[in-house]
Amino acid sequence: MQTPTYAPTYAPTPGHVHGPAHALDLATELRLPTNALDYTILGIYFVVVLGIGFAARRSVKTSLDFFLSGRSLPAWITGLAFISANLAATEILGMAANSAQYGAYTVHWYWIGAIPAMVFLGLVMMPFYYGSKVRSVPEFLLLRFDKGAHLLSSLLFAFAAILIAGVNLYALAIVVEALLGWPQWVAIVVAGFFVLAYITLGGLSSAIYNEVLQFFVILAALIPLTVLGLKKVDGWGGLTDSLTASHGDDFVTAWGGTGIGSDNPLGANWLTIVLGLGFVLSFGYWTTNFAEVQRALSAKNLSAAQRTPLIAAYPKIFIVFLVMIPGLVAAVLVPKIGTSGSDLQYNDAIPYLMQELLPNGVLGIAVTGLLAAFMAGMAANISSFNTVFTTDIWAKYVVLGREDAYYVRFGRLITAIGVMASIGTAFLASSFSNIMSYLQTLFSFFNVPMFVVFIVGMFWKRASMKSGFWGLLAGTTAAMINYFVLYKQDVIGIPTDQGANFVSAIAGFVAGAVVMVAVSLFTAPKPEAELQGLVYGTVSPGMAEPPAAGDDAWYRKPALLGWGAVILAAACYIPFSF
């Protein structure tokens, strides 16, 4: 599940006469002047994608190969795949839109809304995941709690993965229709076919190697757009001067106006940013989202698994500039973007700059980069879905004890079923007026309750076997009641979907924790001998494995990488704080 990153709500500002804007409704006049050269670049990319799938097929001999790449991949490969799986085009378009609307506040979704949680995953949680030799995040709950927690988490994750894969497909269809003129259903089917083909052929290895390719294609699309955009507005100085004059000083700062009770373009104070975004949603997403964690579990040893999210943290720190600056540039070039005075919505920022600034050839790379980003996001969710459904649902509760080859075949079959289902949920996503709010809602329903179960179970030995199931159920139910009953029925006054999602996430976290504690006090704890490697302060044989040759180099030490990322992210705030 990517996005999130935690994409904000892109509802119009108060008084906007257009009414609720679709998250990716692109202006019809943004049809790009693509030519044969651009389509050739796009065609070459699709050929390479399928070629990687065929090449990876040769390495798939067991279910471990298909679902976790045989736990054989180096850290730099898994690290780039980790960040690419998150860097979906919904983030690229959405965060540029966020910047055009709210300014430099976008940096919070990266430096406090991602980096600390990624470091926590690498340093604290990966030893438990990898050391226990689980093949999925729900399987860890089976070891720590019981079958009830395992089955419920598996079903919830599989359902969420298909919903989010559908969001990526639908968003892709909207963009392709606007930029290239393809009908939506054609874009959905074509993209779905290519993702189905390369995952079915090569399993997770194919998805991961394609995600590494897609990472560089995405950068090749965003870097020229950022550089040419800055040149268009006379550099960073000209950009900030123009925005300060038109939007005020706070628009180009990270913390300006975020005091409690103060007004600012984002409409959030520092406490909401730190606790709501920086802790509840951030940690809930990054530490339990199997679409991300699966990349680390495919690493060749524990050190490489720990370094996977830490390596990914470094490009994550700087990618914000490649999505924020184009949004800020669009706010200068189209001063009334997103208002009744312009035909362009905030979501049109990236396509507008592509149309205005990029020559043919580079334009083809940019379009390919957007398609690559969507496919990376969808592939991450489909590859995690087929693993969870096959290993955690089918092999444990439906068809038990079959030969390994059977589960590889079933994994390929369920991949096809998952893609077909995601095509259906793509059309479901079209019924929501705001895709990014829809994604945030899903995160509050599924990721946050799972995070509280993990965090309580990992740090409290007394958490009983039954508490995992009831905590997960209570957290998910509380989040849904807050959203569908209290918010949607106007029982409590929350001004925006984004605000409702923050409250839902907090409600799910608190409800899950309270119920886990209550249930644990009245039910039996798991025997302490069975908690080795599953609770903080205990060690399993897998966690105590000796470091591989060469892993003593400073740049391969997870602690140094992790703290380095945190310090670098904190330092990046300095020029945006005054």
Protein backbone atom coordinates (compact mmCIF):
# COMPACT_ATOMS: atom_id res chain seq x y z
CA MET A 1 0.00 0.00 0.00
CA GLN A 2 1.73 3.09 -0.99
CA THR A 3 0.79 6.61 -0.64
CA PRO A 4 0.83 6.56 1.57
CA THR A 5 2.59 8.41 2.14
CA TYR A 6 -0.06 10.35 3.89
CA ALA A 7 -1.58 12.29 1.08
CA PRO A 8 -3.66 15.21 2.29
CA THR A 9 -7.19 16.11 1.41
CA TYR A 10 -7.48 18.13 -1.76
CA ALA A 11 -10.95 19.43 -1.19
CA PRO A 12 -11.43 22.99 -2.42
CA THR A 13 -10.86 25.80 0.00
CA PRO A 14 -13.94 27.36 1.65
CA GLY A 15 -15.92 29.38 -0.83
CA HIS A 16 -14.68 27.43 -3.85
CA VAL A 17 -17.46 27.66 -6.41
CA HIS A 18 -16.59 24.48 -8.28
CA GLY A 19 -17.84 22.24 -5.46
CA PRO A 20 -15.97 19.11 -4.34
CA ALA A 21 -13.20 18.47 -6.79
CA HIS A 22 -12.24 15.01 -7.92
CA ALA A 23 -8.78 14.21 -6.63
CA LEU A 24 -7.39 13.68 -10.09
CA ASP A 25 -9.82 15.55 -12.34
CA LEU A 26 -7.47 17.04 -14.87
CA ALA A 27 -8.48 19.95 -17.07
CA THR A 28 -9.53 18.76 -20.50
CA GLU A 29 -7.24 21.23 -22.21
CA LEU A 30 -4.19 19.52 -20.69
CA ARG A 31 -3.89 17.04 -23.56
CA LEU A 32 -0.15 16.65 -24.11
CA PRO A 33 1.44 17.17 -27.55
CA THR A 34 2.93 13.67 -27.66
CA ASN A 35 4.44 12.38 -30.89
CA ALA A 36 5.99 9.17 -32.24
CA LEU A 37 9.20 9.66 -30.23
CA ASP A 38 7.25 9.82 -26.95
CA TYR A 39 5.24 6.71 -27.81
CA THR A 40 8.44 4.89 -28.77
CA ILE A 41 9.93 5.60 -25.33
CA LEU A 42 6.71 4.37 -23.73
CA GLY A 43 6.76 1.21 -25.85
CA ILE A 44 10.40 0.46 -24.97
CA TYR A 45 9.55 0.75 -21.28
CA PHE A 46 6.72 -1.79 -21.52
CA VAL A 47 8.95 -4.22 -23.42
CA VAL A 48 11.63 -3.95 -20.73
CA VAL A 49 9.03 -4.51 -17.98
CA LEU A 50 7.90 -7.77 -19.57
CA GLY A 51 11.52 -8.77 -20.25
CA ILE A 52 12.32 -8.47 -16.54
CA GLY A 53 9.33 -10.68 -15.80
CA PHE A 54 10.53 -13.40 -18.17
CA ALA A 55 14.09 -13.15 -16.82
CA ALA A 56 12.92 -13.45 -13.21
CA ARG A 57 10.80 -16.49 -14.04
CA ARG A 58 13.92 -18.66 -14.28
CA SER A 59 14.71 -18.07 -10.60
CA VAL A 60 11.27 -19.14 -9.34
CA LYS A 61 11.52 -22.74 -8.19
CA THR A 62 9.84 -22.70 -4.76
CA SER A 63 7.09 -20.76 -3.00
CA LEU A 64 9.76 -18.85 -1.07
CA ASP A 65 11.24 -17.77 -4.42
CA PHE A 66 7.84 -16.65 -5.71
CA PHE A 67 6.63 -14.81 -2.60
CA LEU A 68 9.89 -13.56 -1.03
CA SER A 69 12.54 -13.85 -3.77
CA GLY A 70 14.15 -16.70 -1.84
CA ARG A 71 15.33 -14.16 0.79
CA SER A 72 18.33 -13.54 -1.45
CA LEU A 73 18.31 -9.88 -2.55
CA PRO A 74 20.96 -7.30 -1.56
CA ALA A 75 19.99 -4.32 0.58
CA TRP A 76 20.40 -1.69 -2.15
CA ILE A 77 17.93 -3.54 -4.40
CA THR A 78 15.34 -4.00 -1.65
CA GLY A 79 15.89 -0.43 -0.44
CA LEU A 80 15.16 1.10 -3.85
CA ALA A 81 12.18 -1.22 -4.31
CA PHE A 82 10.92 -0.17 -0.87
CA ILE A 83 10.84 3.52 -1.78
CA SER A 84 9.58 2.88 -5.31
CA ALA A 85 6.65 0.84 -3.99
CA ASN A 86 5.66 3.90 -1.96
CA LEU A 87 6.34 6.47 -4.68
CA ALA A 88 3.10 5.99 -6.57
CA ALA A 89 1.85 8.59 -9.00
CA THR A 90 -0.97 9.39 -6.58
CA GLU A 91 1.80 10.75 -4.36
CA ILE A 92 3.53 12.59 -7.21
CA LEU A 93 0.38 14.31 -8.42
CA GLY A 94 -1.12 14.63 -4.96
CA MET A 95 1.88 16.12 -3.19
CA ALA A 96 2.44 18.61 -6.02
CA ALA A 97 -1.21 19.57 -5.63
CA ASN A 98 -0.71 19.87 -1.89
CA SER A 99 2.21 22.23 -2.47
CA ALA A 100 0.27 24.39 -4.91
CA GLN A 101 -2.51 24.72 -2.33
CA TYR A 102 -0.65 24.76 1.01
CA GLY A 103 2.94 25.61 0.14
CA ALA A 104 6.03 24.37 1.97
CA TYR A 105 3.97 22.56 4.63
CA THR A 106 4.29 19.56 2.30
CA VAL A 107 7.69 18.82 3.84
CA HIS A 108 5.94 17.49 6.97
CA TRP A 109 4.61 14.46 5.06
CA TYR A 110 8.23 13.44 4.43
CA TRP A 111 10.50 14.62 7.24
CA ILE A 112 8.22 13.93 10.17
CA GLY A 113 5.51 11.84 8.48
CA ALA A 114 7.85 9.19 7.07
CA ILE A 115 11.52 9.25 8.19
CA PRO A 116 11.09 8.53 11.94
CA ALA A 117 8.72 5.64 11.23
CA MET A 118 11.02 4.19 8.55
CA VAL A 119 13.94 4.31 10.98
CA PHE A 120 11.82 2.69 13.71
CA LEU A 121 10.87 -0.09 11.29
CA GLY A 122 14.50 -0.76 10.41
CA LEU A 123 16.05 -0.57 13.87
CA VAL A 124 13.29 -1.91 16.11
CA MET A 125 10.75 -3.94 14.16
CA MET A 126 12.71 -5.63 11.36
CA PRO A 127 14.68 -7.85 13.78
CA PHE A 128 11.34 -9.29 14.94
CA TYR A 129 9.92 -9.68 11.43
CA TYR A 130 13.03 -11.12 9.80
CA GLY A 131 14.40 -12.99 12.82
CA SER A 132 11.14 -14.91 13.27
CA LYS A 133 11.35 -16.02 9.60
CA VAL A 134 7.74 -15.06 8.92
CA ARG A 135 6.65 -14.68 5.30
CA SER A 136 4.17 -11.89 5.96
CA VAL A 137 3.12 -9.32 8.54
CA PRO A 138 -0.08 -11.24 9.52
CA GLU A 139 2.01 -14.38 10.09
CA PHE A 140 3.86 -12.52 12.84
CA LEU A 141 0.53 -12.04 14.62
CA LEU A 142 -0.03 -15.80 14.44
CA LEU A 143 3.22 -16.36 16.33
CA ARG A 144 2.64 -13.57 18.86
CA PHE A 145 -1.09 -14.03 19.46
CA ASP A 146 -3.37 -16.74 18.01
CA LYS A 147 -5.23 -17.87 14.90
CA GLY A 148 -8.03 -15.37 15.51
CA ALA A 149 -5.71 -12.36 15.25
CA HIS A 150 -3.90 -13.95 12.31
CA LEU A 151 -7.00 -14.70 10.23
CA LEU A 152 -8.65 -11.34 10.91
CA SER A 153 -5.49 -9.39 10.03
CA SER A 154 -5.00 -11.49 6.87
CA LEU A 155 -8.54 -10.86 5.67
CA LEU A 156 -8.39 -7.14 6.46
CA PHE A 157 -5.03 -6.73 4.73
CA ALA A 158 -6.06 -8.70 1.62
CA PHE A 159 -9.21 -6.60 1.32
CA ALA A 160 -7.33 -3.32 1.78
CA ALA A 161 -4.63 -4.32 -0.72
CA ILE A 162 -7.20 -4.87 -3.46
CA LEU A 163 -8.95 -1.60 -2.68
CA ILE A 164 -5.69 0.36 -2.82
CA ALA A 165 -4.51 -1.40 -6.00
CA GLY A 166 -7.81 -0.30 -7.52
CA VAL A 167 -7.15 3.30 -6.48
CA ASN A 168 -3.82 3.21 -8.34
CA LEU A 169 -5.47 1.75 -11.44
CA TYR A 170 -8.25 4.31 -11.45
CA ALA A 171 -5.88 7.21 -10.87
CA LEU A 172 -3.75 5.96 -13.75
CA ALA A 173 -6.80 5.79 -16.00
CA ILE A 174 -7.78 9.38 -15.20
CA VAL A 175 -4.28 10.66 -15.97
CA VAL A 176 -3.85 8.65 -19.17
CA GLU A 177 -7.25 9.75 -20.43
CA ALA A 178 -6.40 13.40 -19.84
CA LEU A 179 -2.81 13.31 -21.10
CA LEU A 180 -2.92 10.80 -23.96
CA GLY A 181 -6.59 10.56 -24.85
CA TRP A 182 -6.98 6.85 -24.07
CA PRO A 183 -10.43 5.84 -22.74
CA GLN A 184 -10.38 5.06 -19.01
CA TRP A 185 -11.31 1.41 -19.41
CA VAL A 186 -8.48 0.89 -21.93
CA ALA A 187 -5.91 2.37 -19.56
CA ILE A 188 -7.22 0.25 -16.66
CA VAL A 189 -7.10 -3.00 -18.65
CA VAL A 190 -3.69 -2.33 -20.28
CA ALA A 191 -1.97 -1.38 -17.02
CA GLY A 192 -3.62 -4.27 -15.19
CA PHE A 193 -2.43 -6.70 -17.88
CA PHE A 194 1.20 -5.62 -17.65
CA VAL A 195 1.26 -5.80 -13.84
CA LEU A 196 -0.44 -9.21 -14.01
CA ALA A 197 2.04 -10.45 -16.59
CA TYR A 198 5.28 -9.57 -14.84
CA ILE A 199 4.17 -10.60 -11.33
CA THR A 200 2.67 -13.89 -12.55
CA LEU A 201 5.86 -14.66 -14.46
CA GLY A 202 8.51 -13.78 -11.90
CA GLY A 203 6.73 -13.30 -8.59
CA LEU A 204 8.18 -10.82 -6.10
CA SER A 205 11.60 -10.76 -7.78
CA SER A 206 10.00 -9.46 -10.97
CA ALA A 207 8.05 -6.83 -9.03
CA ILE A 208 11.13 -5.71 -7.10
CA TYR A 209 13.48 -5.45 -10.09
CA ASN A 210 10.81 -3.57 -12.01
CA GLU A 211 10.38 -1.24 -9.04
CA VAL A 212 14.12 -0.48 -9.11
CA LEU A 213 13.78 0.37 -12.83
CA GLN A 214 10.66 2.40 -12.11
CA PHE A 215 12.45 4.38 -9.39
CA PHE A 216 15.00 5.69 -11.89
CA VAL A 217 12.35 6.31 -14.56
CA ILE A 218 10.35 8.36 -12.05
CA LEU A 219 13.45 10.42 -11.19
CA ALA A 220 14.15 10.92 -14.89
CA ALA A 221 10.67 12.37 -15.20
CA LEU A 222 10.70 14.62 -12.13
CA ILE A 223 14.22 16.09 -12.22
CA PRO A 224 13.88 17.87 -15.61
CA LEU A 225 10.45 19.15 -14.60
CA THR A 226 11.85 20.59 -11.35
CA VAL A 227 14.91 22.18 -12.96
CA LEU A 228 12.99 23.73 -15.85
CA GLY A 229 10.29 24.92 -13.45
CA LEU A 230 12.83 26.71 -11.27
CA LYS A 231 14.43 28.26 -14.34
CA LYS A 232 11.03 29.52 -15.46
CA VAL A 233 10.52 31.47 -12.19
CA ASP A 234 14.09 32.80 -11.84
CA GLY A 235 15.35 30.20 -9.39
CA TRP A 236 14.53 29.49 -5.77
CA GLY A 237 14.87 33.16 -4.79
CA GLY A 238 12.43 34.27 -7.46
CA LEU A 239 10.05 31.47 -6.51
CA THR A 240 9.97 32.34 -2.79
CA ASP A 241 9.74 36.08 -3.45
CA SER A 242 6.74 35.60 -5.74
CA LEU A 243 4.96 33.25 -3.32
CA THR A 244 5.61 35.48 -0.31
CA ALA A 245 4.14 38.44 -2.18
CA SER A 246 1.06 36.52 -3.31
CA HIS A 247 0.41 34.05 -0.46
CA GLY A 248 2.18 35.47 2.60
CA ASP A 249 5.26 34.50 4.58
CA ASP A 250 3.81 31.29 6.04
CA PHE A 251 3.36 29.76 2.58
CA VAL A 252 7.11 29.18 2.20
CA THR A 253 7.83 28.02 5.76
CA ALA A 254 7.34 24.68 7.50
CA TRP A 255 6.23 25.84 10.96
CA GLY A 256 5.01 29.39 10.41
CA GLY A 257 1.56 29.93 11.90
CA THR A 258 1.34 26.44 13.41
CA GLY A 259 0.92 27.59 16.99
CA ILE A 260 -2.21 26.28 18.70
CA GLY A 261 -5.05 28.65 17.86
CA SER A 262 -3.14 30.27 14.99
CA ASP A 263 -4.27 30.36 11.36
CA ASN A 264 -2.14 28.95 8.56
CA PRO A 265 -2.71 27.73 4.99
CA LEU A 266 -2.71 24.07 6.10
CA GLY A 267 -5.25 24.51 8.89
CA ALA A 268 -3.28 22.36 11.33
CA ASN A 269 -1.22 23.16 14.43
CA TRP A 270 2.10 21.71 15.49
CA LEU A 271 0.47 19.22 17.87
CA THR A 272 -1.73 17.79 15.13
CA ILE A 273 1.25 17.57 12.80
CA VAL A 274 3.52 15.86 15.33
CA LEU A 275 1.04 13.45 16.92
CA GLY A 276 -1.56 12.91 14.22
CA LEU A 277 0.70 12.75 11.18
CA GLY A 278 4.12 12.10 12.71
CA PHE A 279 3.02 9.28 15.00
CA VAL A 280 -0.39 7.66 14.52
CA LEU A 281 -0.76 7.61 10.73
CA SER A 282 2.96 7.55 9.96
CA PHE A 283 3.92 4.65 12.21
CA GLY A 284 0.69 2.85 11.40
CA TYR A 285 1.52 2.91 7.71
CA TRP A 286 5.26 2.32 7.56
CA THR A 287 5.62 -0.36 10.22
CA THR A 288 2.69 -2.68 9.40
CA ASN A 289 2.04 -2.19 5.69
CA PHE A 290 3.12 -5.50 4.17
CA ALA A 291 3.36 -3.97 0.71
CA GLU A 292 6.45 -2.18 2.06
CA VAL A 293 7.68 -4.69 4.66
CA GLN A 294 7.64 -7.50 2.07
CA ARG A 295 10.55 -5.83 0.25
CA ALA A 296 12.66 -5.97 3.41
CA LEU A 297 11.70 -9.59 4.11
CA SER A 298 13.15 -10.56 0.73
CA ALA A 299 16.62 -9.33 1.75
CA LYS A 300 19.47 -11.85 2.00
CA ASN A 301 20.15 -11.50 5.75
CA LEU A 302 19.01 -9.64 8.85
CA SER A 303 21.43 -6.76 8.36
CA ALA A 304 20.21 -6.24 4.78
CA ALA A 305 16.58 -6.44 5.95
CA GLN A 306 17.20 -3.75 8.57
CA ARG A 307 19.01 -1.53 6.10
CA THR A 308 16.20 -1.77 3.52
CA PRO A 309 13.94 0.96 4.99
CA LEU A 310 17.00 2.93 6.16
CA ILE A 311 18.47 3.05 2.65
CA ALA A 312 15.03 4.05 1.38
CA ALA A 313 14.87 6.87 3.93
CA TYR A 314 17.66 8.85 2.25
CA PRO A 315 15.98 9.34 -1.15
CA LYS A 316 12.69 9.85 0.70
CA ILE A 317 14.22 12.91 2.42
CA PHE A 318 14.97 14.60 -0.90
CA ILE A 319 12.10 13.39 -3.10
CA VAL A 320 9.93 16.02 -1.43
CA PHE A 321 11.75 18.69 -3.44
CA LEU A 322 10.89 16.93 -6.70
CA VAL A 323 7.17 17.01 -5.93
CA MET A 324 6.95 20.20 -3.87
CA ILE A 325 8.85 22.56 -6.18
CA PRO A 326 6.69 21.82 -9.26
CA GLY A 327 3.59 22.53 -7.15
CA LEU A 328 5.05 25.83 -5.94
CA VAL A 329 6.05 26.76 -9.49
CA ALA A 330 2.51 26.08 -10.67
CA ALA A 331 1.19 28.36 -7.93
CA VAL A 332 3.37 31.17 -9.37
CA LEU A 333 2.66 30.53 -13.06
CA VAL A 334 -1.09 30.14 -12.48
CA PRO A 335 -1.77 32.52 -9.57
CA LYS A 336 -5.45 31.55 -9.29
CA ILE A 337 -4.96 27.79 -9.65
CA GLY A 338 -7.62 25.87 -7.75
CA THR A 339 -9.99 28.85 -7.50
CA SER A 340 -12.96 30.07 -9.52
CA GLY A 341 -10.58 32.35 -11.41
CA SER A 342 -8.85 29.44 -13.18
CA ASP A 343 -9.87 26.34 -15.12
CA LEU A 344 -7.01 24.43 -13.47
CA GLN A 345 -7.39 22.49 -10.22
CA TYR A 346 -4.51 22.01 -7.78
CA ASN A 347 -4.23 18.45 -9.10
CA ASP A 348 -3.36 19.83 -12.53
CA ALA A 349 0.02 21.21 -11.37
CA ILE A 350 2.25 18.40 -12.72
CA PRO A 351 0.37 17.89 -16.03
CA TYR A 352 0.32 21.66 -16.61
CA LEU A 353 4.09 21.94 -16.18
CA MET A 354 4.64 18.88 -18.38
CA GLN A 355 2.61 20.55 -21.11
CA GLU A 356 4.31 23.93 -20.75
CA LEU A 357 7.95 23.03 -20.11
CA LEU A 358 8.92 19.65 -21.54
CA PRO A 359 10.02 19.06 -25.14
CA ASN A 360 9.13 15.86 -27.00
CA GLY A 361 11.33 13.00 -25.91
CA VAL A 362 11.62 14.36 -22.40
CA LEU A 363 7.82 14.50 -22.43
CA GLY A 364 7.76 10.79 -23.30
CA ILE A 365 10.04 10.06 -20.35
CA ALA A 366 7.77 12.09 -18.05
CA VAL A 367 4.63 10.25 -19.18
CA THR A 368 6.47 6.96 -18.81
CA GLY A 369 7.53 8.03 -15.31
CA LEU A 370 3.93 8.65 -14.28
CA LEU A 371 2.84 5.28 -15.66
CA ALA A 372 5.82 3.61 -13.94
CA ALA A 373 4.81 5.19 -10.63
CA PHE A 374 1.26 3.95 -10.88
CA MET A 375 2.39 0.45 -11.85
CA ALA A 376 4.90 0.34 -8.98
CA GLY A 377 2.17 1.21 -6.50
CA MET A 378 -0.23 -1.34 -7.92
CA ALA A 379 2.41 -4.08 -8.17
CA ALA A 380 3.40 -3.57 -4.53
CA ASN A 381 -0.17 -4.16 -3.40
CA ILE A 382 -0.82 -7.10 -5.75
CA SER A 383 2.41 -8.91 -4.83
CA SER A 384 1.68 -8.47 -1.11
CA PHE A 385 -1.93 -9.57 -1.67
CA ASN A 386 -0.96 -12.82 -3.38
CA THR A 387 1.49 -13.64 -0.58
CA VAL A 388 -0.97 -13.02 2.24
CA PHE A 389 -3.87 -14.75 0.52
CA THR A 390 -1.82 -17.82 -0.41
CA THR A 391 0.35 -18.32 2.68
CA ASP A 392 -1.87 -16.86 5.40
CA ILE A 393 -5.37 -17.76 4.26
CA TRP A 394 -5.36 -20.55 1.68
CA ALA A 395 -2.44 -22.64 2.96
CA LYS A 396 -3.40 -22.33 6.65
CA TYR A 397 -7.19 -22.49 6.63
CA VAL A 398 -8.45 -23.85 3.28
CA VAL A 399 -6.05 -26.31 1.60
CA LEU A 400 -3.43 -27.51 4.07
CA GLY A 401 -0.37 -29.69 3.59
CA ARG A 402 -0.08 -29.70 -0.21
CA GLU A 403 3.23 -29.84 -2.04
CA ASP A 404 5.16 -26.60 -2.50
CA ALA A 405 4.59 -26.48 -6.27
CA TYR A 406 0.82 -26.37 -5.67
CA TYR A 407 1.11 -23.13 -3.69
CA VAL A 408 3.28 -21.55 -6.40
CA ARG A 409 0.58 -22.39 -8.96
CA PHE A 410 -2.12 -21.08 -6.66
CA GLY A 411 -0.07 -17.91 -6.07
CA ARG A 412 -0.08 -17.23 -9.80
CA LEU A 413 -3.81 -17.92 -10.00
CA ILE A 414 -4.68 -15.63 -7.09
CA THR A 415 -2.49 -12.93 -8.65
CA ALA A 416 -4.74 -13.00 -11.71
CA ILE A 417 -7.85 -12.96 -9.52
CA GLY A 418 -6.40 -10.06 -7.51
CA VAL A 419 -5.76 -8.00 -10.64
CA MET A 420 -9.29 -8.67 -11.89
CA ALA A 421 -10.67 -7.67 -8.49
CA SER A 422 -8.59 -4.49 -8.47
CA ILE A 423 -10.05 -3.56 -11.86
CA GLY A 424 -13.45 -3.80 -10.17
CA THR A 425 -12.35 -1.69 -7.21
CA ALA A 426 -10.91 0.85 -9.65
CA PHE A 427 -14.46 1.59 -10.72
CA LEU A 428 -15.50 1.60 -7.05
CA ALA A 429 -12.90 4.31 -6.43
CA SER A 430 -14.52 6.39 -9.17
CA SER A 431 -17.56 6.85 -6.92
CA PHE A 432 -15.50 8.84 -4.40
CA SER A 433 -15.12 12.57 -4.99
CA ASN A 434 -11.61 12.61 -3.55
CA ILE A 435 -9.22 9.71 -4.11
CA MET A 436 -6.61 10.96 -1.66
CA SER A 437 -9.12 11.26 1.16
CA TYR A 438 -10.32 7.77 0.24
CA LEU A 439 -6.78 6.44 0.66
CA GLN A 440 -6.35 8.17 4.00
CA THR A 441 -9.64 6.70 5.16
CA LEU A 442 -8.44 3.20 4.27
CA PHE A 443 -5.20 3.76 6.22
CA SER A 444 -7.13 4.83 9.33
CA PHE A 445 -9.35 1.73 9.05
CA PHE A 446 -6.70 -0.91 8.39
CA ASN A 447 -3.16 0.25 9.21
CA VAL A 448 -3.61 2.10 12.48
CA PRO A 449 -5.50 -0.71 14.34
CA MET A 450 -2.91 -3.23 13.17
CA PHE A 451 -0.12 -0.95 14.38
CA VAL A 452 -1.51 -0.72 17.90
CA VAL A 453 -1.78 -4.53 18.09
CA PHE A 454 1.84 -4.84 16.96
CA ILE A 455 3.20 -2.18 19.25
CA VAL A 456 1.40 -3.49 22.37
CA GLY A 457 2.30 -7.08 21.55
CA MET A 458 5.95 -6.29 20.91
CA PHE A 459 6.51 -4.24 24.05
CA TRP A 460 4.20 -5.87 26.63
CA LYS A 461 4.75 -9.53 27.49
CA ARG A 462 1.48 -9.69 29.40
CA ALA A 463 -0.59 -9.01 26.24
CA SER A 464 -2.61 -12.21 26.01
CA MET A 465 -3.19 -14.43 23.01
CA LYS A 466 -6.83 -13.33 22.73
CA SER A 467 -6.06 -9.61 23.04
CA GLY A 468 -4.67 -9.39 19.49
CA PHE A 469 -7.97 -10.37 17.83
CA TRP A 470 -10.14 -8.18 20.04
CA GLY A 471 -7.78 -5.21 19.85
CA LEU A 472 -7.69 -5.36 16.06
CA LEU A 473 -11.46 -5.75 15.83
CA ALA A 474 -12.09 -2.90 18.28
CA GLY A 475 -9.64 -0.56 16.57
CA THR A 476 -11.05 -1.15 13.09
CA THR A 477 -14.64 -0.87 14.35
CA ALA A 478 -13.96 2.36 16.26
CA ALA A 479 -12.31 3.98 13.23
CA MET A 480 -15.23 3.01 10.99
CA ILE A 481 -17.86 4.18 13.52
CA ASN A 482 -16.13 7.54 13.83
CA TYR A 483 -16.02 8.00 10.06
CA PHE A 484 -19.33 6.56 8.88
CA VAL A 485 -21.53 7.40 11.88
CA LEU A 486 -20.10 10.30 13.86
CA TYR A 487 -18.60 12.21 10.92
CA LYS A 488 -20.80 11.31 7.95
CA GLN A 489 -24.01 11.65 9.97
CA ASP A 490 -22.86 15.00 11.43
CA VAL A 491 -23.01 13.75 15.00
CA ILE A 492 -19.74 15.58 15.64
CA GLY A 493 -18.51 18.58 13.72
CA ILE A 494 -15.33 17.90 11.76
CA PRO A 495 -14.71 20.42 8.96
CA THR A 496 -12.91 18.19 6.42
CA ASP A 497 -12.38 14.56 5.40
CA GLN A 498 -8.73 14.97 6.35
CA GLY A 499 -9.68 16.00 9.86
CA ALA A 500 -12.09 13.06 10.08
CA ASN A 501 -9.33 10.68 9.04
CA PHE A 502 -7.02 11.98 11.77
CA VAL A 503 -9.75 11.58 14.36
CA SER A 504 -10.62 8.09 13.04
CA ALA A 505 -6.97 7.07 13.29
CA ILE A 506 -6.71 8.33 16.88
CA ALA A 507 -10.00 6.65 17.80
CA GLY A 508 -8.84 3.34 16.31
CA PHE A 509 -5.49 3.54 18.12
CA VAL A 510 -7.00 4.35 21.51
CA ALA A 511 -9.83 1.82 21.24
CA GLY A 512 -7.47 -0.96 20.17
CA ALA A 513 -5.02 -0.26 23.01
CA VAL A 514 -7.72 -0.02 25.69
CA VAL A 515 -9.41 -3.24 24.59
CA MET A 516 -6.09 -5.11 24.42
CA VAL A 517 -5.23 -4.10 27.97
CA ALA A 518 -8.71 -4.99 29.25
CA VAL A 519 -8.79 -8.39 27.52
CA SER A 520 -5.24 -9.20 28.66
CA LEU A 521 -6.20 -8.65 32.30
CA PHE A 522 -8.88 -11.35 32.08
CA THR A 523 -7.31 -13.92 29.72
CA ALA A 524 -4.19 -16.05 29.84
CA PRO A 525 -0.89 -14.66 28.52
CA LYS A 526 1.19 -16.59 26.04
CA PRO A 527 3.81 -18.80 27.72
CA GLU A 528 7.04 -16.84 28.05
CA ALA A 529 9.03 -19.60 26.33
CA GLU A 530 6.96 -18.98 23.17
CA LEU A 531 7.68 -15.24 23.15
CA GLN A 532 11.38 -15.48 22.24
CA GLY A 533 12.10 -13.18 19.32
CA LEU A 534 8.54 -11.82 19.40
CA VAL A 535 8.69 -9.35 22.32
CA TYR A 536 11.21 -6.59 22.88
CA GLY A 537 14.03 -7.76 25.11
CA THR A 538 13.90 -11.35 23.89
CA VAL A 539 16.04 -12.91 21.16
CA SER A 540 15.33 -15.66 18.64
CA PRO A 541 17.99 -17.75 16.85
CA GLY A 542 17.32 -15.82 13.65
CA MET A 543 17.97 -12.49 15.37
CA ALA A 544 21.25 -13.74 16.82
CA GLU A 545 22.76 -14.84 13.52
CA PRO A 546 26.37 -13.68 13.04
CA PRO A 547 26.89 -10.77 10.64
CA ALA A 548 27.75 -11.68 7.08
CA ALA A 549 31.26 -11.07 5.80
CA GLY A 550 31.80 -7.38 5.19
CA ASP A 551 28.75 -6.29 7.20
CA ASP A 552 31.00 -4.61 9.77
CA ALA A 553 31.63 -1.63 7.44
CA TRP A 554 30.25 1.62 8.88
CA TYR A 555 27.86 2.17 5.97
CA ARG A 556 26.33 -1.25 6.60
CA LYS A 557 25.56 -0.61 10.24
CA PRO A 558 21.81 -0.04 10.67
CA ALA A 559 22.15 2.19 13.74
CA LEU A 560 24.46 4.65 11.95
CA LEU A 561 22.23 4.71 8.86
CA GLY A 562 19.10 5.20 10.94
CA TRP A 563 20.32 8.01 13.15
CA GLY A 564 21.97 9.64 10.14
CA ALA A 565 18.61 9.74 8.35
CA VAL A 566 16.85 11.25 11.36
CA ILE A 567 19.53 13.94 11.81
CA LEU A 568 19.53 14.77 8.10
CA ALA A 569 15.73 15.05 8.01
CA ALA A 570 15.78 17.30 11.07
CA ALA A 571 18.49 19.47 9.51
CA CYS A 572 16.39 19.91 6.37
CA TYR A 573 13.80 21.75 8.45
CA ILE A 574 16.25 24.53 9.32
CA PRO A 575 16.01 26.60 6.10
CA PHE A 576 12.20 26.25 6.15
CA SER A 577 11.78 27.35 9.75
CA PHE A 578 12.48 31.06 9.45
